[in-house]
Amino acid sequence: MKTTKAIQANEIKANDSTLSRAMSTIDQIRGHVEEFYGFYAPYDPLFPWWCSVPKQQLDEALVGIRAAIDTRLTQKNGSGSIRAAVEPIGRDGLLNELEAEMIPYTPEELLKLAQEQYDWCEKEMKKASRSLSSKKVGSDRSEMDGNGSTSGVEAVSAGFGDDWKAAMEYVKNSYVEPGQQPQMVRQLALEGIAFVKKHDLVTVPEVAETWRMFMISAERQKESPFFLGGPSFWVSYPTPTMDHDLKMMVMRGNNPHFSRATAFHELIPGHRLQLFMGKRHHPYRELFSTPFFVEGWAMYWEYVLWNRGDFFVSAEDKIGTLFWRMHRCARIIFSLKYHLGEMTPQQCVDMLVDWVGHERSNAEGEVTRSFGGDYSPLYQAGYMLGALQMHGLREEVLTKGFMGEKELHDKILKANTMPIELLRALLLNQSLSPDQTSKWRFYD
């Protein structure tokens, strides 16, 4: 009670990120206490006799403290504000993180890189938009009203031209009906597996093809608005408890064309295959896990399949995968600028909406997850930067004829996670010194 009153009276001084982190810590404490109590109470008669009331009092006190913190943050920033549980680490902090990840670039150079990649994406978006509008589009996906009936919204049959955002809105409205998302996602996953097997791009053990699917709860979708993957496949789609506008945003943001790239990213040849092989080859290297390898590998396949020209064929699918590539550009920019003190979490959300074309609820979930305290400062930048490193390694290996494409992919998976500059040294049999520093300028 004293702590709650002190927070309410603003006697405890702390910045927003510290207060957000305190709320997260309270949630963890409540979970640990509940787990501890549940272990003993059903089996030791004296335990609940002594502890049930104190446990209830502790929980009520923790709930009160959390509510007081939440109220204080809401009064200061408004109810719709996005909260960061991590504080900006500054330029020196970013340089230290980059050195640890063996990335020989400054934050400013990486911001320039991301802008160049975004500019390329925007040019390709305009090409796809013009291609989409040059054919007969027909009627758009009708938007449902709150009673489940359709509003009869019609798409413009032609004329998107360079207005790629209008073309993206058309693609978003290709969502499937409620209840149909698991089947659609499963089909996309099977297509990805069949494609890499047909073209002999990587070894896919039969056991790796066995995976389970789960739906993401409404609460968890606030931080994970899209797919999650690895050992299992987690799918986001509306639940009955969501209001109508939120349901529509979730459905539009998880349309089949956006989902085509995320299905293989999360499963095969992406994270599912990666984790499967990592458990069986050099598993001790998980100690050196880095998002540049883990996320870079999964996104690298988006580059490979795009460059082939026979996977993302339709204009709709091209817009879908370009959306994600733009998203990864934005991740580099907003994560670096947040830690440089140049952007707020709310500005990061606005950037995803205005720059990439996110549904606002999806953008809020992405930023909340990015700065929620569970990810390293460079994690979000690791997707595209790791993919570019992988792609640079690929070009070097294949151009010089060191090995074939499938052999390269199999060796990467069996090497397991490590900074990609070290992976390059391993695959190219380069010598390393005890005081080795990063010097591979993979983007120059």
Protein backbone atom coordinates (compact mmCIF):
# COMPACT_ATOMS: atom_id res chain seq x y z
CA MET A 1 0.00 0.00 0.00
CA LYS A 2 2.84 2.40 0.82
CA THR A 3 4.46 1.77 -2.55
CA THR A 4 1.15 2.25 -4.38
CA LYS A 5 0.50 5.54 -2.60
CA ALA A 6 4.06 6.72 -3.29
CA ILE A 7 3.60 6.04 -7.00
CA GLN A 8 0.24 7.80 -7.03
CA ALA A 9 1.75 10.80 -5.26
CA ASN A 10 4.65 10.85 -7.75
CA GLU A 11 7.10 10.40 -4.89
CA ILE A 12 8.95 7.64 -6.76
CA LYS A 13 10.92 9.20 -9.60
CA ALA A 14 11.55 7.08 -12.70
CA ASN A 15 11.45 7.47 -16.46
CA ASP A 16 8.90 5.77 -18.69
CA SER A 17 11.09 2.83 -19.68
CA THR A 18 11.90 2.03 -16.04
CA LEU A 19 8.21 2.14 -15.13
CA SER A 20 7.31 -0.10 -18.08
CA ARG A 21 10.03 -2.52 -17.04
CA ALA A 22 8.64 -2.50 -13.50
CA MET A 23 5.22 -3.52 -14.83
CA SER A 24 6.82 -6.40 -16.72
CA THR A 25 8.72 -7.47 -13.60
CA ILE A 26 5.51 -7.47 -11.55
CA ASP A 27 3.88 -9.75 -14.12
CA GLN A 28 6.83 -12.13 -13.83
CA ILE A 29 6.73 -12.11 -10.02
CA ARG A 30 3.01 -12.90 -10.00
CA GLY A 31 3.60 -15.78 -12.37
CA HIS A 32 6.43 -17.20 -10.27
CA VAL A 33 4.39 -16.95 -7.06
CA GLU A 34 1.44 -18.65 -8.73
CA GLU A 35 3.68 -21.44 -9.99
CA PHE A 36 5.30 -21.87 -6.56
CA TYR A 37 1.94 -21.95 -4.80
CA GLY A 38 0.50 -24.41 -7.31
CA PHE A 39 3.40 -26.78 -6.73
CA TYR A 40 2.79 -27.17 -2.98
CA ALA A 41 -0.82 -26.25 -2.23
CA PRO A 42 -2.59 -29.31 -3.69
CA TYR A 43 -0.24 -31.78 -2.01
CA ASP A 44 0.74 -30.30 1.38
CA PRO A 45 -2.34 -29.61 3.58
CA LEU A 46 -0.46 -27.21 5.87
CA PHE A 47 0.86 -25.08 3.00
CA PRO A 48 -2.46 -23.49 1.94
CA TRP A 49 -3.56 -23.38 5.60
CA TRP A 50 -0.69 -20.98 6.31
CA CYS A 51 -0.11 -19.37 2.92
CA SER A 52 -3.42 -18.87 1.10
CA VAL A 53 -4.26 -15.51 2.70
CA PRO A 54 -0.70 -14.06 2.53
CA LYS A 55 -0.51 -15.16 -1.11
CA GLN A 56 -3.78 -13.38 -1.88
CA GLN A 57 -2.61 -10.25 -0.06
CA LEU A 58 0.68 -10.24 -1.96
CA ASP A 59 -1.11 -10.63 -5.28
CA GLU A 60 -3.52 -7.79 -4.49
CA ALA A 61 -0.59 -5.55 -3.52
CA LEU A 62 1.26 -6.35 -6.75
CA VAL A 63 -1.87 -5.72 -8.81
CA GLY A 64 -2.32 -2.40 -7.04
CA ILE A 65 1.25 -1.32 -7.72
CA ARG A 66 0.96 -2.31 -11.37
CA ALA A 67 -2.32 -0.42 -11.76
CA ALA A 68 -0.78 2.68 -10.16
CA ILE A 69 2.16 2.57 -12.58
CA ASP A 70 -0.18 2.05 -15.53
CA THR A 71 -2.34 5.00 -14.45
CA ARG A 72 0.70 7.23 -14.06
CA LEU A 73 1.97 6.38 -17.54
CA THR A 74 -1.49 6.86 -19.05
CA GLN A 75 -1.90 10.26 -17.39
CA LYS A 76 1.48 11.35 -18.71
CA ASN A 77 1.36 9.95 -22.25
CA GLY A 78 -2.27 9.17 -23.02
CA SER A 79 -4.07 5.85 -23.23
CA GLY A 80 -3.02 5.11 -26.80
CA SER A 81 0.71 5.67 -26.36
CA ILE A 82 3.27 2.97 -27.09
CA ARG A 83 5.58 2.24 -24.18
CA ALA A 84 9.18 1.12 -24.38
CA ALA A 85 10.60 -1.04 -21.60
CA VAL A 86 14.16 -0.38 -22.75
CA GLU A 87 16.10 2.85 -22.63
CA PRO A 88 18.06 4.17 -25.65
CA ILE A 89 21.67 3.01 -25.42
CA GLY A 90 23.15 5.85 -27.47
CA ARG A 91 25.67 5.81 -30.30
CA ASP A 92 28.49 4.38 -28.18
CA GLY A 93 26.21 1.58 -27.04
CA LEU A 94 25.28 0.79 -30.64
CA LEU A 95 28.95 0.73 -31.66
CA ASN A 96 29.66 -1.76 -28.86
CA GLU A 97 26.75 -3.94 -29.99
CA LEU A 98 27.91 -3.80 -33.61
CA GLU A 99 31.44 -4.77 -32.60
CA ALA A 100 30.09 -7.75 -30.66
CA GLU A 101 28.04 -8.84 -33.68
CA MET A 102 31.09 -8.38 -35.97
CA ILE A 103 29.43 -5.73 -38.13
CA PRO A 104 32.13 -3.23 -39.28
CA TYR A 105 29.70 -0.41 -40.03
CA THR A 106 28.67 2.69 -38.08
CA PRO A 107 25.01 3.42 -37.25
CA GLU A 108 25.07 6.21 -39.83
CA GLU A 109 26.31 3.85 -42.55
CA LEU A 110 23.59 1.35 -41.69
CA LEU A 111 20.92 4.04 -41.85
CA LYS A 112 22.15 4.92 -45.34
CA LEU A 113 22.11 1.23 -46.31
CA ALA A 114 18.52 0.86 -45.12
CA GLN A 115 17.44 3.94 -47.05
CA GLU A 116 19.05 2.59 -50.24
CA GLN A 117 17.30 -0.74 -49.79
CA TYR A 118 13.99 1.02 -49.17
CA ASP A 119 14.40 3.12 -52.33
CA TRP A 120 14.94 -0.09 -54.34
CA CYS A 121 11.83 -1.62 -52.75
CA GLU A 122 9.76 1.43 -53.62
CA LYS A 123 10.83 1.23 -57.28
CA GLU A 124 9.86 -2.46 -57.39
CA MET A 125 6.58 -1.66 -55.64
CA LYS A 126 5.72 0.82 -58.38
CA LYS A 127 6.54 -1.79 -61.04
CA ALA A 128 4.24 -4.30 -59.35
CA SER A 129 1.56 -1.63 -58.89
CA ARG A 130 1.63 -0.79 -62.59
CA SER A 131 1.56 -4.47 -63.47
CA LEU A 132 -1.40 -5.04 -61.17
CA SER A 133 -3.39 -2.17 -62.63
CA SER A 134 -2.66 -3.17 -66.22
CA LYS A 135 -4.89 -6.22 -66.00
CA LYS A 136 -8.55 -6.61 -65.20
CA VAL A 137 -8.73 -6.56 -61.42
CA GLY A 138 -12.45 -7.30 -61.14
CA SER A 139 -14.25 -6.77 -57.88
CA ASP A 140 -12.35 -6.18 -54.70
CA ARG A 141 -12.59 -8.23 -51.56
CA SER A 142 -15.81 -7.02 -49.96
CA GLU A 143 -15.39 -5.74 -46.45
CA MET A 144 -17.69 -7.22 -43.84
CA ASP A 145 -19.75 -5.08 -41.55
CA GLY A 146 -20.17 -5.78 -37.86
CA ASN A 147 -22.93 -8.31 -38.51
CA GLY A 148 -20.85 -10.44 -40.85
CA SER A 149 -22.50 -9.21 -44.06
CA THR A 150 -20.62 -7.41 -46.81
CA SER A 151 -20.58 -3.73 -47.47
CA GLY A 152 -20.25 -4.16 -51.23
CA VAL A 153 -17.03 -2.16 -51.56
CA GLU A 154 -15.76 -2.37 -55.15
CA ALA A 155 -12.11 -2.16 -56.20
CA VAL A 156 -10.89 0.18 -58.87
CA SER A 157 -10.42 -2.07 -61.88
CA ALA A 158 -7.38 -0.22 -63.15
CA GLY A 159 -5.29 2.85 -62.59
CA PHE A 160 -3.03 2.12 -59.59
CA GLY A 161 -0.03 3.28 -61.63
CA ASP A 162 2.76 4.42 -59.31
CA ASP A 163 0.36 4.62 -56.35
CA TRP A 164 1.73 1.48 -54.75
CA LYS A 165 -0.02 2.20 -51.46
CA ALA A 166 -3.39 1.96 -53.23
CA ALA A 167 -2.25 -1.29 -54.83
CA MET A 168 -1.22 -2.56 -51.40
CA GLU A 169 -4.66 -1.75 -50.00
CA TYR A 170 -6.17 -3.82 -52.79
CA VAL A 171 -3.86 -6.73 -51.90
CA LYS A 172 -4.71 -6.43 -48.19
CA ASN A 173 -8.37 -6.92 -48.98
CA SER A 174 -7.69 -10.41 -50.34
CA TYR A 175 -7.92 -11.82 -46.79
CA VAL A 176 -9.67 -15.15 -46.22
CA GLU A 177 -12.85 -15.56 -44.19
CA PRO A 178 -12.67 -16.07 -40.40
CA GLY A 179 -11.96 -19.72 -39.69
CA GLN A 180 -10.11 -20.28 -42.97
CA GLN A 181 -6.69 -18.89 -42.02
CA PRO A 182 -5.17 -22.16 -40.67
CA GLN A 183 -5.98 -24.00 -43.90
CA MET A 184 -4.59 -21.18 -46.01
CA VAL A 185 -1.39 -20.97 -43.97
CA ARG A 186 -0.90 -24.73 -44.11
CA GLN A 187 -1.20 -24.67 -47.89
CA LEU A 188 1.37 -21.88 -48.17
CA ALA A 189 3.76 -23.78 -45.89
CA LEU A 190 3.43 -26.94 -47.98
CA GLU A 191 4.04 -24.93 -51.16
CA GLY A 192 7.30 -23.59 -49.73
CA ILE A 193 8.48 -27.05 -48.72
CA ALA A 194 7.58 -28.53 -52.11
CA PHE A 195 9.37 -25.71 -53.95
CA VAL A 196 12.76 -26.07 -52.25
CA LYS A 197 12.58 -29.87 -52.60
CA LYS A 198 11.58 -29.73 -56.26
CA HIS A 199 14.46 -27.42 -57.14
CA ASP A 200 16.91 -29.22 -54.82
CA LEU A 201 17.87 -26.04 -52.99
CA VAL A 202 18.48 -27.54 -49.54
CA THR A 203 18.22 -30.91 -47.81
CA VAL A 204 14.89 -31.32 -46.01
CA PRO A 205 14.89 -34.33 -43.64
CA GLU A 206 11.49 -36.02 -43.54
CA VAL A 207 11.17 -35.57 -39.77
CA ALA A 208 11.67 -31.81 -40.17
CA GLU A 209 8.41 -31.69 -42.13
CA THR A 210 6.42 -32.60 -39.03
CA TRP A 211 5.29 -29.46 -37.21
CA ARG A 212 2.32 -28.31 -35.16
CA MET A 213 0.13 -25.25 -35.60
CA PHE A 214 -1.26 -23.04 -32.84
CA MET A 215 -3.39 -19.90 -32.88
CA ILE A 216 -2.10 -16.78 -31.12
CA SER A 217 -4.36 -15.39 -28.39
CA ALA A 218 -5.90 -11.94 -28.69
CA GLU A 219 -3.70 -10.67 -25.85
CA ARG A 220 -0.51 -12.01 -27.39
CA GLN A 221 -1.42 -10.55 -30.78
CA LYS A 222 -0.83 -7.12 -29.24
CA GLU A 223 2.89 -7.98 -29.49
CA SER A 224 2.83 -10.66 -32.22
CA PRO A 225 0.39 -9.50 -34.90
CA PHE A 226 1.78 -11.86 -37.56
CA PHE A 227 3.10 -15.42 -37.71
CA LEU A 228 5.65 -16.85 -35.32
CA GLY A 229 7.56 -20.01 -36.11
CA GLY A 230 10.31 -22.45 -35.27
CA PRO A 231 9.48 -25.80 -33.69
CA SER A 232 5.79 -24.94 -34.18
CA PHE A 233 3.79 -22.51 -36.28
CA TRP A 234 1.78 -19.78 -34.52
CA VAL A 235 -0.92 -17.97 -36.49
CA SER A 236 -2.56 -14.59 -35.81
CA TYR A 237 -6.18 -14.00 -36.81
CA PRO A 238 -9.18 -12.25 -35.19
CA THR A 239 -10.89 -13.60 -32.09
CA PRO A 240 -14.49 -12.88 -30.97
CA THR A 241 -13.32 -10.55 -28.19
CA MET A 242 -11.74 -8.04 -30.62
CA ASP A 243 -13.75 -5.03 -31.74
CA HIS A 244 -14.75 -4.87 -35.40
CA ASP A 245 -12.09 -2.40 -36.56
CA LEU A 246 -9.34 -4.46 -34.94
CA LYS A 247 -10.67 -7.67 -36.52
CA MET A 248 -10.52 -6.08 -39.95
CA MET A 249 -6.98 -4.75 -39.40
CA VAL A 250 -5.77 -8.19 -38.31
CA MET A 251 -7.39 -9.87 -41.32
CA ARG A 252 -6.02 -7.33 -43.80
CA GLY A 253 -2.54 -7.55 -42.30
CA ASN A 254 -2.50 -11.36 -42.59
CA ASN A 255 -3.76 -11.68 -46.17
CA PRO A 256 -2.49 -14.59 -48.34
CA HIS A 257 -0.03 -12.49 -50.35
CA PHE A 258 1.63 -11.03 -47.25
CA SER A 259 1.59 -14.51 -45.72
CA ARG A 260 3.29 -16.22 -48.67
CA ALA A 261 6.70 -14.89 -47.66
CA THR A 262 6.21 -15.41 -43.92
CA ALA A 263 5.15 -19.07 -44.23
CA PHE A 264 8.49 -20.32 -45.57
CA HIS A 265 10.34 -17.76 -43.41
CA GLU A 266 8.94 -19.37 -40.27
CA LEU A 267 8.98 -23.01 -41.36
CA ILE A 268 10.95 -24.56 -44.22
CA PRO A 269 13.50 -23.54 -45.42
CA GLY A 270 13.42 -20.93 -42.63
CA HIS A 271 13.34 -21.25 -38.85
CA ARG A 272 11.83 -24.74 -38.57
CA LEU A 273 14.55 -26.31 -40.70
CA GLN A 274 17.20 -24.11 -39.13
CA LEU A 275 16.32 -25.13 -35.56
CA PHE A 276 15.87 -28.78 -36.55
CA MET A 277 19.39 -28.93 -37.98
CA GLY A 278 20.83 -26.87 -35.13
CA LYS A 279 19.67 -29.44 -32.58
CA ARG A 280 21.57 -32.14 -34.48
CA HIS A 281 24.77 -30.40 -35.61
CA HIS A 282 27.15 -28.51 -33.31
CA PRO A 283 24.37 -27.75 -30.78
CA TYR A 284 26.91 -26.16 -28.41
CA ARG A 285 27.13 -23.24 -30.83
CA GLU A 286 23.71 -22.10 -29.65
CA LEU A 287 25.76 -20.28 -27.01
CA PHE A 288 26.80 -17.91 -29.80
CA SER A 289 23.30 -17.34 -31.14
CA THR A 290 22.87 -14.07 -32.99
CA PRO A 291 19.84 -12.58 -34.76
CA PHE A 292 22.07 -11.88 -37.75
CA PHE A 293 22.34 -15.64 -38.29
CA VAL A 294 18.94 -16.76 -36.97
CA GLU A 295 16.77 -14.11 -38.61
CA GLY A 296 19.23 -13.46 -41.42
CA TRP A 297 18.92 -17.06 -42.64
CA ALA A 298 15.12 -16.91 -42.78
CA MET A 299 15.07 -13.57 -44.61
CA TYR A 300 17.90 -14.65 -46.90
CA TRP A 301 15.44 -17.06 -48.49
CA GLU A 302 13.22 -14.13 -49.39
CA TYR A 303 16.14 -12.81 -51.47
CA VAL A 304 16.85 -16.22 -53.02
CA LEU A 305 13.25 -16.91 -54.04
CA TRP A 306 12.74 -13.34 -55.30
CA ASN A 307 15.88 -13.48 -57.45
CA ARG A 308 14.85 -16.81 -58.99
CA GLY A 309 11.80 -15.17 -60.54
CA ASP A 310 9.62 -18.29 -60.40
CA PHE A 311 8.26 -18.15 -56.84
CA PHE A 312 6.89 -14.63 -56.44
CA VAL A 313 5.31 -14.47 -59.89
CA SER A 314 2.06 -12.51 -59.59
CA ALA A 315 2.02 -8.78 -58.92
CA GLU A 316 0.06 -9.47 -55.72
CA ASP A 317 2.73 -11.83 -54.40
CA LYS A 318 5.48 -9.38 -55.32
CA ILE A 319 3.70 -6.63 -53.39
CA GLY A 320 3.32 -9.01 -50.46
CA THR A 321 7.01 -9.86 -50.19
CA LEU A 322 8.13 -6.28 -50.92
CA PHE A 323 5.97 -5.18 -48.00
CA TRP A 324 8.12 -7.35 -45.74
CA ARG A 325 11.37 -6.15 -47.26
CA MET A 326 10.27 -2.55 -46.71
CA HIS A 327 9.37 -3.53 -43.16
CA ARG A 328 12.91 -4.81 -42.56
CA CYS A 329 14.34 -1.54 -43.92
CA ALA A 330 12.13 0.36 -41.50
CA ARG A 331 13.22 -1.90 -38.65
CA ILE A 332 16.85 -0.93 -39.17
CA ILE A 333 15.96 2.75 -39.25
CA PHE A 334 13.54 2.95 -36.34
CA SER A 335 15.57 0.68 -34.03
CA LEU A 336 18.81 2.58 -34.64
CA LYS A 337 17.15 5.99 -34.43
CA TYR A 338 15.33 5.04 -31.24
CA HIS A 339 18.62 4.10 -29.59
CA LEU A 340 20.26 7.23 -30.99
CA GLY A 341 17.50 9.24 -29.30
CA GLU A 342 16.14 10.49 -32.64
CA MET A 343 12.75 8.71 -32.60
CA THR A 344 10.10 7.92 -30.00
CA PRO A 345 8.14 4.64 -29.96
CA GLN A 346 5.07 6.47 -31.29
CA GLN A 347 7.10 7.89 -34.17
CA CYS A 348 8.27 4.35 -34.92
CA VAL A 349 4.63 3.24 -35.19
CA ASP A 350 3.81 6.16 -37.47
CA MET A 351 6.77 5.28 -39.66
CA LEU A 352 5.56 1.70 -40.13
CA VAL A 353 2.10 2.96 -41.05
CA ASP A 354 3.16 5.79 -43.36
CA TRP A 355 6.37 4.39 -44.83
CA VAL A 356 5.56 0.68 -45.12
CA GLY A 357 1.76 0.51 -45.22
CA HIS A 358 1.12 -1.37 -41.97
CA GLU A 359 -2.28 -1.57 -40.38
CA ARG A 360 -1.94 0.59 -37.25
CA SER A 361 -2.70 -2.22 -34.81
CA ASN A 362 -0.03 -4.38 -36.48
CA ALA A 363 2.49 -1.52 -36.32
CA GLU A 364 1.79 -0.99 -32.62
CA GLY A 365 2.35 -4.68 -31.98
CA GLU A 366 5.66 -4.64 -33.85
CA VAL A 367 7.01 -1.64 -31.93
CA THR A 368 5.76 -2.94 -28.58
CA ARG A 369 7.58 -6.22 -29.21
CA SER A 370 10.74 -4.49 -30.44
CA PHE A 371 11.15 -2.37 -27.31
CA GLY A 372 9.52 -4.70 -24.78
CA GLY A 373 12.82 -5.78 -23.24
CA ASP A 374 12.98 -9.30 -24.71
CA TYR A 375 15.18 -8.42 -27.68
CA SER A 376 18.70 -7.03 -28.01
CA PRO A 377 19.09 -3.49 -29.41
CA LEU A 378 20.19 -4.79 -32.83
CA TYR A 379 17.74 -7.68 -33.09
CA GLN A 380 15.35 -5.94 -35.48
CA ALA A 381 18.24 -4.74 -37.63
CA GLY A 382 19.57 -8.29 -37.77
CA TYR A 383 16.92 -9.49 -40.24
CA MET A 384 18.00 -7.53 -43.29
CA LEU A 385 21.65 -7.07 -42.34
CA GLY A 386 22.02 -10.80 -41.68
CA ALA A 387 20.27 -11.60 -44.96
CA LEU A 388 22.60 -9.25 -46.84
CA GLN A 389 25.58 -10.95 -45.19
CA MET A 390 24.26 -14.38 -46.18
CA HIS A 391 23.63 -13.16 -49.71
CA GLY A 392 27.11 -11.67 -49.95
CA LEU A 393 28.59 -14.97 -48.78
CA ARG A 394 26.45 -16.82 -51.33
CA GLU A 395 27.66 -14.65 -54.20
CA GLU A 396 31.28 -15.10 -53.15
CA VAL A 397 30.99 -18.89 -52.86
CA LEU A 398 28.98 -19.53 -56.02
CA THR A 399 30.85 -17.04 -58.22
CA LYS A 400 34.21 -18.56 -57.32
CA GLY A 401 32.87 -22.10 -57.67
CA PHE A 402 33.78 -23.20 -54.14
CA MET A 403 30.61 -25.30 -53.88
CA GLY A 404 27.10 -25.62 -55.26
CA GLU A 405 23.96 -23.92 -53.96
CA LYS A 406 22.54 -26.90 -52.09
CA GLU A 407 25.90 -27.79 -50.55
CA LEU A 408 26.29 -24.20 -49.36
CA HIS A 409 22.87 -24.18 -47.72
CA ASP A 410 23.45 -27.55 -46.04
CA LYS A 411 26.83 -26.43 -44.71
CA ILE A 412 25.37 -23.21 -43.31
CA LEU A 413 22.69 -25.15 -41.43
CA LYS A 414 25.16 -27.72 -40.10
CA ALA A 415 27.61 -25.03 -39.01
CA ASN A 416 24.90 -23.67 -36.67
CA THR A 417 24.61 -20.16 -35.32
CA MET A 418 27.56 -17.76 -35.10
CA PRO A 419 28.45 -14.28 -36.37
CA ILE A 420 28.28 -14.54 -40.15
CA GLU A 421 31.79 -13.19 -40.66
CA LEU A 422 33.02 -16.22 -38.70
CA LEU A 423 30.73 -18.48 -40.75
CA ARG A 424 32.36 -17.04 -43.87
CA ALA A 425 35.82 -17.78 -42.48
CA LEU A 426 34.73 -21.33 -41.66
CA LEU A 427 33.26 -22.08 -45.09
CA LEU A 428 36.12 -20.43 -46.99
CA ASN A 429 38.74 -22.02 -44.72
CA GLN A 430 40.22 -18.66 -43.76
CA SER A 431 42.65 -18.40 -40.86
CA LEU A 432 41.70 -16.39 -37.78
CA SER A 433 43.82 -14.77 -35.09
CA PRO A 434 43.01 -14.66 -31.35
CA ASP A 435 42.50 -10.90 -31.57
CA GLN A 436 40.45 -11.07 -34.79
CA THR A 437 38.36 -7.96 -35.44
CA SER A 438 35.56 -7.50 -37.92
CA LYS A 439 36.61 -6.21 -41.34
CA TRP A 440 34.27 -7.84 -43.90
CA ARG A 441 32.44 -4.98 -45.63
CA PHE A 442 29.71 -7.18 -47.05
CA TYR A 443 27.68 -4.32 -48.55
CA ASP A 444 30.43 -2.26 -50.20
